[in-house]
């Protein structure tokens, strides 16, 4: 009889384990659907203004959009966060066909950030240096939710306004049938989930900066 009792216990344990796995997968799937819907519905606001503008590097299209906002007076100053240390302002200006006068007067380039957490640290430092209260955040639509999450974790006081760069309208195409797009969305969703769990558990996230000990930061303009 004892072996029957053990067998019954194993069956109940297996059923509970399978149920837990099913519920976990259902929550993840539901979360991904929410994430995909949120990304698809992101649109750049019209006539928006803030104290300043920040753009997270990852493509010149993002920088072009941010420079356009700066030219239109949507913000007083622009920070390009996360530039590669070997990239000069002149290279960025030529690649984006930006104005030399605009770069000279109103554009800062940050070289410290190595990831999105680093972007948040670098941007927060720049905001505090200039005492800004509201900032437009320019990045790709799929990257926006995690960017805002990290920025608000680093600086809960500043108002961050999303200005997504939409390279393709996800509402008008079967993006889930495109391997590259699906891979990007799944990867970004996974990072959002991990960031959320990290903050719920109170796990330290580091600064994501190349020069953590530099109090002045590196939003300086090197010689071209």
N, C-alpha and C. Protein backbone atom coordinates (compact mmCIF):
# COMPACT_ATOMS: atom_id res chain seq x y z
N UNK A 1 0.83 -1.22 0.00
CA UNK A 1 0.00 0.00 0.00
C UNK A 1 0.86 1.26 0.00
N UNK A 2 2.03 1.15 0.63
CA UNK A 2 2.90 2.33 0.72
C UNK A 2 3.33 2.80 -0.66
N UNK A 3 3.60 1.79 -1.53
CA UNK A 3 4.04 2.18 -2.88
C UNK A 3 2.93 2.85 -3.66
N UNK A 4 1.66 2.46 -3.39
CA UNK A 4 0.53 3.13 -4.04
C UNK A 4 0.40 4.57 -3.58
N UNK A 5 0.65 4.77 -2.28
CA UNK A 5 0.59 6.13 -1.72
C UNK A 5 1.67 7.01 -2.33
N UNK A 6 2.88 6.44 -2.46
CA UNK A 6 3.98 7.21 -3.06
C UNK A 6 3.70 7.52 -4.53
N UNK A 7 3.12 6.55 -5.23
CA UNK A 7 2.79 6.75 -6.65
C UNK A 7 1.74 7.85 -6.81
N UNK A 8 0.75 7.85 -5.91
CA UNK A 8 -0.29 8.89 -5.95
C UNK A 8 0.30 10.26 -5.67
N UNK A 9 1.24 10.31 -4.70
CA UNK A 9 1.90 11.58 -4.37
C UNK A 9 2.71 12.10 -5.55
N UNK A 10 3.40 11.19 -6.23
CA UNK A 10 4.19 11.59 -7.40
C UNK A 10 3.30 12.13 -8.51
N UNK A 11 2.15 11.50 -8.69
CA UNK A 11 1.22 11.97 -9.72
C UNK A 11 0.71 13.37 -9.40
N UNK A 12 0.34 13.58 -8.12
CA UNK A 12 -0.16 14.91 -7.73
C UNK A 12 0.92 15.96 -7.89
N UNK A 13 2.14 15.60 -7.52
CA UNK A 13 3.27 16.54 -7.67
C UNK A 13 3.52 16.87 -9.13
N UNK A 14 3.45 15.84 -9.98
CA UNK A 14 3.67 16.05 -11.42
C UNK A 14 2.58 16.94 -12.01
N UNK A 15 1.33 16.69 -11.59
CA UNK A 15 0.23 17.52 -12.10
C UNK A 15 0.40 18.98 -11.68
N UNK A 16 0.78 19.18 -10.41
CA UNK A 16 0.98 20.55 -9.92
C UNK A 16 2.13 21.23 -10.64
N UNK A 17 3.18 20.45 -10.88
CA UNK A 17 4.33 21.01 -11.60
C UNK A 17 3.94 21.40 -13.02
N UNK A 18 3.21 20.53 -13.69
CA UNK A 18 2.76 20.83 -15.05
C UNK A 18 1.84 22.04 -15.08
N UNK A 19 0.96 22.13 -14.06
CA UNK A 19 0.06 23.28 -13.98
C UNK A 19 0.85 24.57 -13.77
N UNK A 20 1.87 24.51 -12.90
CA UNK A 20 2.70 25.69 -12.64
C UNK A 20 3.43 26.12 -13.90
N UNK A 21 3.97 25.14 -14.64
CA UNK A 21 4.67 25.44 -15.89
C UNK A 21 3.71 26.05 -16.90
N UNK A 22 2.51 25.49 -16.99
CA UNK A 22 1.51 26.01 -17.92
C UNK A 22 1.13 27.45 -17.58
N UNK A 23 0.91 27.71 -16.28
CA UNK A 23 0.54 29.07 -15.85
C UNK A 23 1.68 30.04 -16.11
N UNK A 24 2.91 29.60 -15.86
CA UNK A 24 4.07 30.45 -16.09
C UNK A 24 4.18 30.81 -17.57
N UNK A 25 4.02 29.81 -18.43
CA UNK A 25 4.09 30.05 -19.88
C UNK A 25 2.94 30.95 -20.34
N UNK A 26 1.75 30.77 -19.73
CA UNK A 26 0.60 31.59 -20.10
C UNK A 26 0.83 33.05 -19.71
N UNK A 27 1.42 33.26 -18.53
CA UNK A 27 1.73 34.63 -18.09
C UNK A 27 2.75 35.27 -19.02
N UNK A 28 3.79 34.51 -19.38
CA UNK A 28 4.81 35.04 -20.29
C UNK A 28 4.20 35.37 -21.66
N UNK A 29 3.36 34.48 -22.16
CA UNK A 29 2.73 34.71 -23.46
C UNK A 29 1.81 35.92 -23.41
N UNK A 30 1.03 36.02 -22.34
CA UNK A 30 0.15 37.18 -22.19
C UNK A 30 0.93 38.46 -22.07
N UNK A 31 2.05 38.40 -21.34
CA UNK A 31 2.91 39.57 -21.21
C UNK A 31 3.50 39.99 -22.54
N UNK A 32 3.89 39.00 -23.35
CA UNK A 32 4.44 39.34 -24.66
C UNK A 32 3.40 39.99 -25.55
N UNK A 33 2.17 39.49 -25.50
CA UNK A 33 1.10 40.09 -26.29
C UNK A 33 0.86 41.53 -25.86
N UNK A 34 0.89 41.76 -24.54
CA UNK A 34 0.75 43.14 -24.03
C UNK A 34 1.90 44.01 -24.52
N UNK A 35 3.13 43.48 -24.44
CA UNK A 35 4.31 44.22 -24.87
C UNK A 35 4.21 44.56 -26.35
N UNK A 36 3.86 43.57 -27.18
CA UNK A 36 3.75 43.79 -28.62
C UNK A 36 2.68 44.83 -28.94
N UNK A 37 1.56 44.76 -28.24
CA UNK A 37 0.49 45.73 -28.46
C UNK A 37 0.93 47.13 -28.05
N UNK A 38 1.66 47.23 -26.93
CA UNK A 38 2.15 48.52 -26.46
C UNK A 38 3.13 49.13 -27.45
N UNK A 39 4.04 48.31 -27.96
CA UNK A 39 5.02 48.79 -28.94
C UNK A 39 4.32 49.22 -30.22
N UNK A 40 3.37 48.42 -30.67
CA UNK A 40 2.67 48.72 -31.92
C UNK A 40 1.88 50.02 -31.84
N UNK A 41 1.39 50.34 -30.65
CA UNK A 41 0.54 51.53 -30.49
C UNK A 41 1.33 52.80 -30.20
N UNK A 42 2.65 52.67 -30.00
CA UNK A 42 3.46 53.86 -29.73
C UNK A 42 3.53 54.74 -30.97
N UNK A 43 3.26 56.02 -30.78
CA UNK A 43 3.35 56.98 -31.88
C UNK A 43 3.99 58.26 -31.37
N UNK A 44 4.73 58.91 -32.26
CA UNK A 44 5.37 60.17 -31.89
C UNK A 44 4.31 61.25 -31.70
N UNK A 45 4.32 61.95 -30.57
CA UNK A 45 3.32 63.00 -30.33
C UNK A 45 3.58 64.22 -31.20
N UNK A 46 2.52 64.92 -31.55
CA UNK A 46 2.63 66.14 -32.36
C UNK A 46 2.81 67.36 -31.46
N UNK A 47 3.66 68.28 -31.91
CA UNK A 47 3.81 69.56 -31.22
C UNK A 47 4.29 69.46 -29.79
N UNK A 48 5.00 68.39 -29.47
CA UNK A 48 5.44 68.19 -28.08
C UNK A 48 6.68 69.03 -27.80
N UNK A 49 6.80 69.51 -26.56
CA UNK A 49 7.96 70.30 -26.15
C UNK A 49 8.41 69.88 -24.76
N UNK A 50 9.70 70.05 -24.50
CA UNK A 50 10.26 69.74 -23.19
C UNK A 50 11.46 70.64 -22.97
N UNK A 51 12.07 70.53 -21.79
CA UNK A 51 13.25 71.34 -21.52
C UNK A 51 14.41 70.91 -22.42
N UNK A 52 14.52 69.61 -22.66
CA UNK A 52 15.66 69.10 -23.44
C UNK A 52 15.27 67.81 -24.14
N UNK A 53 16.20 67.31 -24.94
CA UNK A 53 15.98 66.09 -25.74
C UNK A 53 17.17 65.15 -25.52
N UNK A 54 16.89 63.86 -25.40
CA UNK A 54 17.96 62.87 -25.37
C UNK A 54 17.66 61.80 -26.42
N UNK A 55 18.71 61.29 -27.02
CA UNK A 55 18.54 60.20 -27.98
C UNK A 55 19.51 59.09 -27.60
N UNK A 56 19.02 57.87 -27.56
CA UNK A 56 19.85 56.71 -27.25
C UNK A 56 20.38 56.17 -28.57
N UNK A 57 21.70 56.08 -28.69
CA UNK A 57 22.29 55.68 -29.96
C UNK A 57 21.92 54.24 -30.29
N UNK A 58 22.01 53.92 -31.57
CA UNK A 58 21.62 52.62 -32.07
C UNK A 58 21.26 52.71 -33.53
N UNK A 59 21.49 53.87 -34.11
CA UNK A 59 21.19 54.08 -35.52
C UNK A 59 21.08 55.56 -35.80
N UNK A 60 21.53 55.98 -36.98
CA UNK A 60 21.52 57.40 -37.30
C UNK A 60 20.10 57.95 -37.48
N UNK A 61 19.14 57.09 -37.80
CA UNK A 61 17.77 57.56 -37.95
C UNK A 61 17.26 58.17 -36.65
N UNK A 62 17.61 57.55 -35.52
CA UNK A 62 17.22 58.11 -34.23
C UNK A 62 17.80 59.51 -34.04
N UNK A 63 19.09 59.63 -34.38
CA UNK A 63 19.76 60.92 -34.19
C UNK A 63 19.17 61.98 -35.11
N UNK A 64 18.86 61.60 -36.34
CA UNK A 64 18.23 62.54 -37.28
C UNK A 64 16.90 63.05 -36.74
N UNK A 65 16.10 62.15 -36.18
CA UNK A 65 14.82 62.55 -35.59
C UNK A 65 15.04 63.52 -34.44
N UNK A 66 16.02 63.22 -33.60
CA UNK A 66 16.30 64.08 -32.44
C UNK A 66 16.79 65.45 -32.88
N UNK A 67 17.64 65.49 -33.90
CA UNK A 67 18.13 66.77 -34.42
C UNK A 67 16.99 67.58 -35.01
N UNK A 68 16.06 66.90 -35.68
CA UNK A 68 14.89 67.59 -36.22
C UNK A 68 14.06 68.22 -35.12
N UNK A 69 13.89 67.52 -34.02
CA UNK A 69 13.16 68.07 -32.87
C UNK A 69 13.88 69.29 -32.31
N UNK A 70 15.21 69.20 -32.23
CA UNK A 70 16.00 70.32 -31.71
C UNK A 70 15.87 71.53 -32.62
N UNK A 71 15.95 71.32 -33.93
CA UNK A 71 15.80 72.43 -34.88
C UNK A 71 14.42 73.08 -34.77
N UNK A 72 13.41 72.26 -34.48
CA UNK A 72 12.04 72.77 -34.39
C UNK A 72 11.73 73.41 -33.04
N UNK A 73 12.71 73.43 -32.16
CA UNK A 73 12.50 74.08 -30.86
C UNK A 73 11.77 73.23 -29.84
N UNK A 74 11.78 71.90 -30.03
CA UNK A 74 11.09 71.02 -29.07
C UNK A 74 11.84 70.90 -27.76
N UNK A 75 13.10 71.31 -27.76
CA UNK A 75 13.92 71.29 -26.55
C UNK A 75 15.07 72.27 -26.69
N UNK A 76 15.67 72.65 -25.56
CA UNK A 76 16.74 73.64 -25.59
C UNK A 76 18.08 73.03 -26.02
N UNK A 77 18.26 71.75 -25.68
CA UNK A 77 19.56 71.12 -25.89
C UNK A 77 19.36 69.63 -26.14
N UNK A 78 20.33 69.01 -26.81
CA UNK A 78 20.25 67.59 -27.14
C UNK A 78 21.47 66.85 -26.61
N UNK A 79 21.20 65.69 -25.99
CA UNK A 79 22.28 64.77 -25.62
C UNK A 79 22.17 63.51 -26.47
N UNK A 80 23.25 63.17 -27.15
CA UNK A 80 23.35 61.90 -27.87
C UNK A 80 24.08 60.95 -26.93
N UNK A 81 23.36 60.01 -26.35
CA UNK A 81 23.92 59.14 -25.31
C UNK A 81 24.38 57.80 -25.87
N UNK A 82 25.57 57.38 -25.42
CA UNK A 82 26.05 56.05 -25.78
C UNK A 82 26.85 55.99 -27.06
N UNK A 83 27.46 57.10 -27.46
CA UNK A 83 28.28 57.08 -28.67
C UNK A 83 29.55 56.28 -28.43
N UNK A 84 30.07 55.67 -29.49
CA UNK A 84 31.32 54.93 -29.37
C UNK A 84 32.46 55.92 -29.14
N UNK A 85 33.42 55.60 -28.26
CA UNK A 85 34.50 56.53 -27.95
C UNK A 85 35.30 57.02 -29.15
N UNK A 86 35.34 56.23 -30.21
CA UNK A 86 36.12 56.63 -31.39
C UNK A 86 35.33 57.52 -32.35
N UNK A 87 34.05 57.71 -32.08
CA UNK A 87 33.20 58.51 -32.97
C UNK A 87 33.30 59.99 -32.62
N UNK A 88 33.56 60.81 -33.61
CA UNK A 88 33.69 62.25 -33.37
C UNK A 88 32.39 62.97 -33.70
N UNK A 89 32.19 64.16 -33.13
CA UNK A 89 31.02 64.96 -33.47
C UNK A 89 30.91 65.22 -34.97
N UNK A 90 32.05 65.43 -35.62
CA UNK A 90 32.04 65.70 -37.06
C UNK A 90 31.50 64.51 -37.84
N UNK A 91 31.89 63.31 -37.44
CA UNK A 91 31.38 62.11 -38.11
C UNK A 91 29.87 61.99 -37.95
N UNK A 92 29.39 62.24 -36.75
CA UNK A 92 27.94 62.16 -36.51
C UNK A 92 27.22 63.24 -37.30
N UNK A 93 27.79 64.45 -37.30
CA UNK A 93 27.14 65.56 -38.00
C UNK A 93 27.06 65.28 -39.50
N UNK A 94 28.13 64.77 -40.08
CA UNK A 94 28.12 64.49 -41.52
C UNK A 94 27.17 63.34 -41.85
N UNK A 95 27.15 62.33 -41.01
CA UNK A 95 26.28 61.17 -41.28
C UNK A 95 24.81 61.55 -41.20
N UNK A 96 24.50 62.55 -40.38
CA UNK A 96 23.10 62.96 -40.21
C UNK A 96 22.79 64.25 -40.97
N UNK A 97 23.81 64.79 -41.67
CA UNK A 97 23.65 66.05 -42.41
C UNK A 97 23.17 67.17 -41.48
N UNK A 98 23.73 67.17 -40.27
CA UNK A 98 23.35 68.17 -39.28
C UNK A 98 24.09 69.48 -39.49
N UNK A 99 23.57 70.52 -38.89
CA UNK A 99 24.16 71.85 -38.99
C UNK A 99 25.34 71.97 -38.03
N UNK A 100 26.46 72.51 -38.54
CA UNK A 100 27.64 72.70 -37.69
C UNK A 100 27.33 73.67 -36.56
N UNK A 101 26.57 74.72 -36.86
CA UNK A 101 26.21 75.70 -35.83
C UNK A 101 25.34 75.06 -34.75
N UNK A 102 24.42 74.20 -35.17
CA UNK A 102 23.54 73.54 -34.20
C UNK A 102 24.34 72.62 -33.29
N UNK A 103 25.28 71.87 -33.87
CA UNK A 103 26.11 70.99 -33.06
C UNK A 103 26.97 71.79 -32.09
N UNK A 104 27.47 72.93 -32.57
CA UNK A 104 28.36 73.74 -31.73
C UNK A 104 27.63 74.33 -30.54
N UNK A 105 26.42 74.77 -30.76
CA UNK A 105 25.70 75.48 -29.69
C UNK A 105 24.90 74.57 -28.77
N UNK A 106 24.35 73.50 -29.31
CA UNK A 106 23.26 72.85 -28.56
C UNK A 106 23.31 71.33 -28.49
N UNK A 107 24.40 70.71 -28.93
CA UNK A 107 24.46 69.25 -28.93
C UNK A 107 25.61 68.77 -28.06
N UNK A 108 25.31 67.87 -27.13
CA UNK A 108 26.32 67.20 -26.32
C UNK A 108 26.34 65.73 -26.72
N UNK A 109 27.51 65.11 -26.61
CA UNK A 109 27.64 63.70 -26.96
C UNK A 109 28.21 62.95 -25.77
N UNK A 110 27.50 61.91 -25.33
CA UNK A 110 27.95 61.11 -24.20
C UNK A 110 28.65 59.85 -24.68
N UNK A 111 29.81 59.56 -24.11
CA UNK A 111 30.62 58.42 -24.53
C UNK A 111 30.73 57.34 -23.46
N UNK A 112 30.04 57.50 -22.35
CA UNK A 112 30.23 56.57 -21.23
C UNK A 112 29.31 55.35 -21.27
N UNK A 113 28.10 55.49 -21.78
CA UNK A 113 27.11 54.42 -21.68
C UNK A 113 27.49 53.23 -22.56
N UNK A 114 27.37 52.03 -21.98
CA UNK A 114 27.66 50.81 -22.75
C UNK A 114 26.40 49.97 -22.97
N UNK A 115 25.30 50.34 -22.33
CA UNK A 115 24.03 49.64 -22.50
C UNK A 115 22.90 50.58 -22.08
N UNK A 116 21.67 50.06 -22.03
CA UNK A 116 20.53 50.91 -21.71
C UNK A 116 20.59 51.43 -20.28
N UNK A 117 21.09 50.61 -19.36
CA UNK A 117 21.29 51.08 -17.99
C UNK A 117 22.29 52.23 -17.99
N UNK A 118 23.35 52.08 -18.77
CA UNK A 118 24.34 53.15 -18.89
C UNK A 118 23.75 54.41 -19.50
N UNK A 119 22.88 54.25 -20.50
CA UNK A 119 22.17 55.41 -21.06
C UNK A 119 21.43 56.15 -19.97
N UNK A 120 20.71 55.40 -19.12
CA UNK A 120 19.93 56.02 -18.05
C UNK A 120 20.84 56.77 -17.08
N UNK A 121 21.98 56.17 -16.73
CA UNK A 121 22.92 56.82 -15.81
C UNK A 121 23.51 58.08 -16.43
N UNK A 122 23.92 57.97 -17.68
CA UNK A 122 24.53 59.10 -18.39
C UNK A 122 23.53 60.23 -18.58
N UNK A 123 22.32 59.88 -18.96
CA UNK A 123 21.28 60.89 -19.18
C UNK A 123 20.90 61.57 -17.87
N UNK A 124 20.76 60.79 -16.80
CA UNK A 124 20.40 61.36 -15.50
C UNK A 124 21.45 62.35 -15.03
N UNK A 125 22.70 62.01 -15.20
CA UNK A 125 23.79 62.90 -14.81
C UNK A 125 23.72 64.20 -15.60
N UNK A 126 23.48 64.09 -16.88
CA UNK A 126 23.38 65.27 -17.75
C UNK A 126 22.19 66.13 -17.36
N UNK A 127 21.05 65.50 -17.07
CA UNK A 127 19.85 66.24 -16.65
C UNK A 127 20.12 67.03 -15.38
N UNK A 128 20.76 66.39 -14.41
CA UNK A 128 21.03 67.07 -13.14
C UNK A 128 22.03 68.21 -13.33
N UNK A 129 23.01 68.01 -14.21
CA UNK A 129 23.99 69.08 -14.47
C UNK A 129 23.31 70.32 -15.04
N UNK A 130 22.28 70.12 -15.87
CA UNK A 130 21.60 71.24 -16.52
C UNK A 130 20.30 71.65 -15.83
N UNK A 131 19.93 70.88 -14.78
CA UNK A 131 18.72 71.18 -14.01
C UNK A 131 17.44 71.18 -14.87
N UNK A 132 17.35 70.21 -15.75
CA UNK A 132 16.14 70.07 -16.56
C UNK A 132 15.07 69.32 -15.78
N UNK A 133 13.83 69.61 -16.10
CA UNK A 133 12.71 68.95 -15.42
C UNK A 133 11.90 68.04 -16.34
N UNK A 134 11.96 68.30 -17.63
CA UNK A 134 11.23 67.46 -18.59
C UNK A 134 12.13 67.18 -19.79
N UNK A 135 12.09 65.95 -20.26
CA UNK A 135 13.00 65.52 -21.33
C UNK A 135 12.27 64.63 -22.33
N UNK A 136 12.47 64.92 -23.61
CA UNK A 136 11.97 64.05 -24.67
C UNK A 136 12.96 62.90 -24.87
N UNK A 137 12.45 61.69 -24.92
CA UNK A 137 13.30 60.51 -25.09
C UNK A 137 13.09 59.94 -26.49
N UNK A 138 14.15 59.94 -27.29
CA UNK A 138 14.08 59.46 -28.67
C UNK A 138 14.82 58.13 -28.78
N UNK A 139 14.10 57.09 -29.17
CA UNK A 139 14.70 55.79 -29.45
C UNK A 139 13.69 54.99 -30.26
N UNK A 140 14.09 53.80 -30.72
CA UNK A 140 13.16 52.97 -31.50
C UNK A 140 11.95 52.56 -30.67
N UNK A 141 10.83 52.33 -31.33
CA UNK A 141 9.61 51.99 -30.59
C UNK A 141 9.77 50.73 -29.75
N UNK A 142 10.42 49.70 -30.29
CA UNK A 142 10.57 48.46 -29.53
C UNK A 142 11.48 48.62 -28.31
N UNK A 143 12.33 49.64 -28.33
CA UNK A 143 13.30 49.89 -27.25
C UNK A 143 12.76 50.89 -26.22
N UNK A 144 11.63 51.52 -26.52
CA UNK A 144 11.15 52.63 -25.70
C UNK A 144 10.73 52.20 -24.29
N UNK A 145 9.98 51.11 -24.16
CA UNK A 145 9.47 50.72 -22.85
C UNK A 145 10.60 50.44 -21.86
N UNK A 146 11.62 49.73 -22.30
CA UNK A 146 12.75 49.45 -21.41
C UNK A 146 13.56 50.70 -21.12
N UNK A 147 13.70 51.56 -22.12
CA UNK A 147 14.43 52.81 -21.91
C UNK A 147 13.74 53.67 -20.85
N UNK A 148 12.42 53.81 -20.96
CA UNK A 148 11.67 54.59 -19.98
C UNK A 148 11.74 53.94 -18.60
N UNK A 149 11.69 52.62 -18.56
CA UNK A 149 11.78 51.91 -17.28
C UNK A 149 13.10 52.23 -16.59
N UNK A 150 14.21 52.11 -17.32
CA UNK A 150 15.53 52.36 -16.73
C UNK A 150 15.70 53.83 -16.36
N UNK A 151 15.20 54.73 -17.19
CA UNK A 151 15.31 56.16 -16.90
C UNK A 151 14.53 56.52 -15.64
N UNK A 152 13.33 55.99 -15.50
CA UNK A 152 12.51 56.31 -14.33
C UNK A 152 13.04 55.66 -13.07
N UNK A 153 13.72 54.53 -13.21
CA UNK A 153 14.38 53.93 -12.05
C UNK A 153 15.56 54.79 -11.61
N UNK A 154 16.30 55.32 -12.58
CA UNK A 154 17.47 56.14 -12.26
C UNK A 154 17.08 57.54 -11.80
N UNK A 155 15.97 58.06 -12.31
CA UNK A 155 15.55 59.44 -12.01
C UNK A 155 14.03 59.50 -11.96
N UNK A 156 13.43 59.23 -10.79
CA UNK A 156 11.97 59.24 -10.69
C UNK A 156 11.35 60.63 -10.67
N UNK A 157 12.16 61.66 -10.61
CA UNK A 157 11.65 63.04 -10.50
C UNK A 157 11.39 63.66 -11.86
N UNK A 158 12.32 63.48 -12.79
CA UNK A 158 12.20 64.10 -14.11
C UNK A 158 11.04 63.50 -14.90
N UNK A 159 10.38 64.33 -15.69
CA UNK A 159 9.31 63.86 -16.57
C UNK A 159 9.94 63.41 -17.89
N UNK A 160 9.81 62.14 -18.21
CA UNK A 160 10.34 61.60 -19.46
C UNK A 160 9.19 61.38 -20.43
N UNK A 161 9.31 62.00 -21.60
CA UNK A 161 8.24 61.96 -22.61
C UNK A 161 8.72 61.12 -23.80
N UNK A 162 7.99 60.08 -24.11
CA UNK A 162 8.39 59.17 -25.19
C UNK A 162 8.21 59.81 -26.56
N UNK A 163 9.25 59.71 -27.37
CA UNK A 163 9.17 60.11 -28.77
C UNK A 163 9.75 58.95 -29.60
N UNK A 164 8.92 57.94 -29.86
CA UNK A 164 9.42 56.73 -30.53
C UNK A 164 9.74 56.95 -32.00
N UNK A 165 10.80 56.31 -32.44
CA UNK A 165 11.14 56.28 -33.86
C UNK A 165 10.54 55.00 -34.43
N UNK A 166 9.59 55.13 -35.31
CA UNK A 166 8.90 53.97 -35.88
C UNK A 166 9.47 53.70 -37.27
N UNK A 167 10.30 52.68 -37.37
CA UNK A 167 10.91 52.36 -38.67
C UNK A 167 9.95 51.59 -39.57
N UNK A 168 8.97 50.92 -38.96
CA UNK A 168 7.96 50.19 -39.73
C UNK A 168 6.69 50.12 -38.89
N UNK A 169 5.56 50.31 -39.54
CA UNK A 169 4.27 50.29 -38.84
C UNK A 169 3.88 48.84 -38.55
N UNK A 170 4.02 48.44 -37.30
CA UNK A 170 3.74 47.06 -36.92
C UNK A 170 2.26 46.73 -36.97
N UNK A 171 1.42 47.75 -37.00
CA UNK A 171 -0.03 47.50 -37.03
C UNK A 171 -0.51 47.12 -38.43
N UNK A 172 0.33 47.33 -39.44
CA UNK A 172 -0.11 47.08 -40.82
C UNK A 172 0.63 45.92 -41.49
N UNK A 173 1.33 45.13 -40.71
CA UNK A 173 2.06 44.02 -41.31
C UNK A 173 2.10 42.85 -40.33
N UNK A 174 2.23 41.67 -40.88
CA UNK A 174 2.30 40.46 -40.05
C UNK A 174 3.74 40.27 -39.57
N UNK A 175 4.18 41.17 -38.67
CA UNK A 175 5.57 41.16 -38.23
C UNK A 175 5.94 39.85 -37.52
N UNK A 176 4.95 39.19 -36.90
CA UNK A 176 5.23 37.94 -36.18
C UNK A 176 5.64 36.82 -37.12
N UNK A 177 5.42 37.00 -38.42
CA UNK A 177 5.83 36.00 -39.41
C UNK A 177 7.20 36.33 -39.99
N UNK A 178 7.79 37.45 -39.55
CA UNK A 178 9.11 37.86 -40.02
C UNK A 178 10.14 37.49 -38.94
N UNK A 179 11.02 36.53 -39.20
CA UNK A 179 11.95 36.03 -38.18
C UNK A 179 12.78 37.12 -37.49
N UNK A 180 13.32 38.07 -38.26
CA UNK A 180 14.17 39.10 -37.67
C UNK A 180 13.38 39.99 -36.72
N UNK A 181 12.19 40.41 -37.15
CA UNK A 181 11.37 41.27 -36.31
C UNK A 181 10.90 40.53 -35.06
N UNK A 182 10.47 39.30 -35.23
CA UNK A 182 10.01 38.50 -34.09
C UNK A 182 11.14 38.28 -33.10
N UNK A 183 12.33 38.01 -33.61
CA UNK A 183 13.50 37.80 -32.75
C UNK A 183 13.80 39.07 -31.95
N UNK A 184 13.74 40.22 -32.61
CA UNK A 184 14.00 41.49 -31.93
C UNK A 184 12.97 41.75 -30.84
N UNK A 185 11.70 41.52 -31.15
CA UNK A 185 10.63 41.76 -30.18
C UNK A 185 10.75 40.81 -28.99
N UNK A 186 11.02 39.53 -29.25
CA UNK A 186 11.17 38.56 -28.16
C UNK A 186 12.37 38.90 -27.28
N UNK A 187 13.47 39.29 -27.92
CA UNK A 187 14.67 39.66 -27.17
C UNK A 187 14.41 40.87 -26.27
N UNK A 188 13.76 41.87 -26.83
CA UNK A 188 13.48 43.09 -26.06
C UNK A 188 12.49 42.80 -24.93
N UNK A 189 11.49 41.98 -25.21
CA UNK A 189 10.52 41.61 -24.17
C UNK A 189 11.23 40.87 -23.03
N UNK A 190 12.14 39.96 -23.38
CA UNK A 190 12.89 39.25 -22.36
C UNK A 190 13.68 40.19 -21.48
N UNK A 191 14.27 41.22 -22.07
CA UNK A 191 15.04 42.19 -21.30
C UNK A 191 14.13 43.02 -20.38
N UNK A 192 12.93 43.34 -20.86
CA UNK A 192 11.97 44.06 -20.02
C UNK A 192 11.57 43.21 -18.82
N UNK A 193 11.31 41.93 -19.06
CA UNK A 193 10.94 41.01 -17.97
C UNK A 193 12.06 40.91 -16.95
N UNK A 194 13.29 40.73 -17.41
CA UNK A 194 14.43 40.61 -16.51
C UNK A 194 14.65 41.89 -15.71
N UNK A 195 14.48 43.05 -16.36
CA UNK A 195 14.64 44.33 -15.65
C UNK A 195 13.57 44.48 -14.57
N UNK A 196 12.35 44.06 -14.89
CA UNK A 196 11.25 44.15 -13.92
C UNK A 196 11.50 43.23 -12.73
N UNK A 197 11.92 42.00 -12.99
CA UNK A 197 12.22 41.05 -11.91
C UNK A 197 13.38 41.57 -11.06
N UNK A 198 14.40 42.08 -11.71
CA UNK A 198 15.56 42.63 -11.00
C UNK A 198 15.14 43.70 -10.01
N UNK A 199 14.29 44.63 -10.46
CA UNK A 199 13.88 45.72 -9.58
C UNK A 199 12.92 45.24 -8.49
N UNK A 200 12.08 44.26 -8.80
CA UNK A 200 11.19 43.70 -7.78
C UNK A 200 11.97 43.02 -6.66
N UNK A 201 13.08 42.37 -7.03
CA UNK A 201 13.90 41.67 -6.05
C UNK A 201 14.94 42.57 -5.41
N UNK A 202 15.05 43.81 -5.90
CA UNK A 202 16.02 44.74 -5.33
C UNK A 202 17.45 44.40 -5.67
N UNK A 203 17.66 43.75 -6.79
CA UNK A 203 19.02 43.39 -7.21
C UNK A 203 19.70 44.62 -7.81
N UNK A 204 20.94 44.85 -7.40
CA UNK A 204 21.69 45.98 -7.93
C UNK A 204 21.88 45.87 -9.43
N UNK A 205 21.86 47.00 -10.10
CA UNK A 205 21.96 46.96 -11.56
C UNK A 205 23.24 47.57 -12.10
N UNK A 206 24.08 48.13 -11.22
CA UNK A 206 25.29 48.77 -11.69
C UNK A 206 24.98 50.07 -12.41
N UNK A 207 26.01 50.70 -12.95
CA UNK A 207 25.80 51.99 -13.61
C UNK A 207 25.78 51.87 -15.13
N UNK A 208 26.38 50.79 -15.67
CA UNK A 208 26.43 50.64 -17.12
C UNK A 208 27.31 51.67 -17.81
N UNK A 209 28.28 52.23 -17.05
CA UNK A 209 29.15 53.26 -17.60
C UNK A 209 30.58 52.76 -17.74
N UNK A 210 31.29 53.31 -18.71
CA UNK A 210 32.70 52.95 -18.91
C UNK A 210 33.57 53.52 -17.81
N UNK A 211 33.29 54.74 -17.37
CA UNK A 211 34.12 55.44 -16.39
C UNK A 211 33.28 55.79 -15.18
N UNK A 212 32.98 54.80 -14.34
CA UNK A 212 32.11 55.01 -13.19
C UNK A 212 32.70 56.00 -12.20
N UNK A 213 34.01 56.10 -12.16
CA UNK A 213 34.63 56.97 -11.17
C UNK A 213 34.77 58.41 -11.61
N UNK A 214 34.38 58.73 -12.84
CA UNK A 214 34.54 60.09 -13.36
C UNK A 214 33.35 60.95 -12.95
N UNK A 215 33.51 61.87 -11.98
CA UNK A 215 32.38 62.66 -11.51
C UNK A 215 31.88 63.66 -12.53
N UNK A 216 32.71 63.99 -13.51
CA UNK A 216 32.29 65.01 -14.47
C UNK A 216 31.59 64.41 -15.67
N UNK A 217 31.70 63.08 -15.79
CA UNK A 217 31.07 62.44 -16.95
C UNK A 217 31.91 62.64 -18.19
N UNK A 218 31.39 62.22 -19.32
CA UNK A 218 32.13 62.37 -20.57
C UNK A 218 31.22 62.85 -21.67
N UNK A 219 30.36 63.80 -21.35
CA UNK A 219 29.54 64.42 -22.38
C UNK A 219 30.29 65.64 -22.90
N UNK A 220 31.52 65.41 -23.28
CA UNK A 220 32.37 66.48 -23.78
C UNK A 220 32.51 66.33 -25.28
N UNK A 221 32.96 67.39 -25.90
CA UNK A 221 33.12 67.36 -27.35
C UNK A 221 34.60 67.22 -27.69
N UNK A 222 35.03 66.02 -28.07
CA UNK A 222 36.42 65.84 -28.45
C UNK A 222 36.72 66.55 -29.76
N UNK A 223 37.96 66.71 -30.02
CA UNK A 223 38.34 67.35 -31.28
C UNK A 223 37.94 66.45 -32.43
N UNK A 224 37.42 67.04 -33.50
CA UNK A 224 36.99 66.24 -34.66
C UNK A 224 38.14 65.44 -35.22
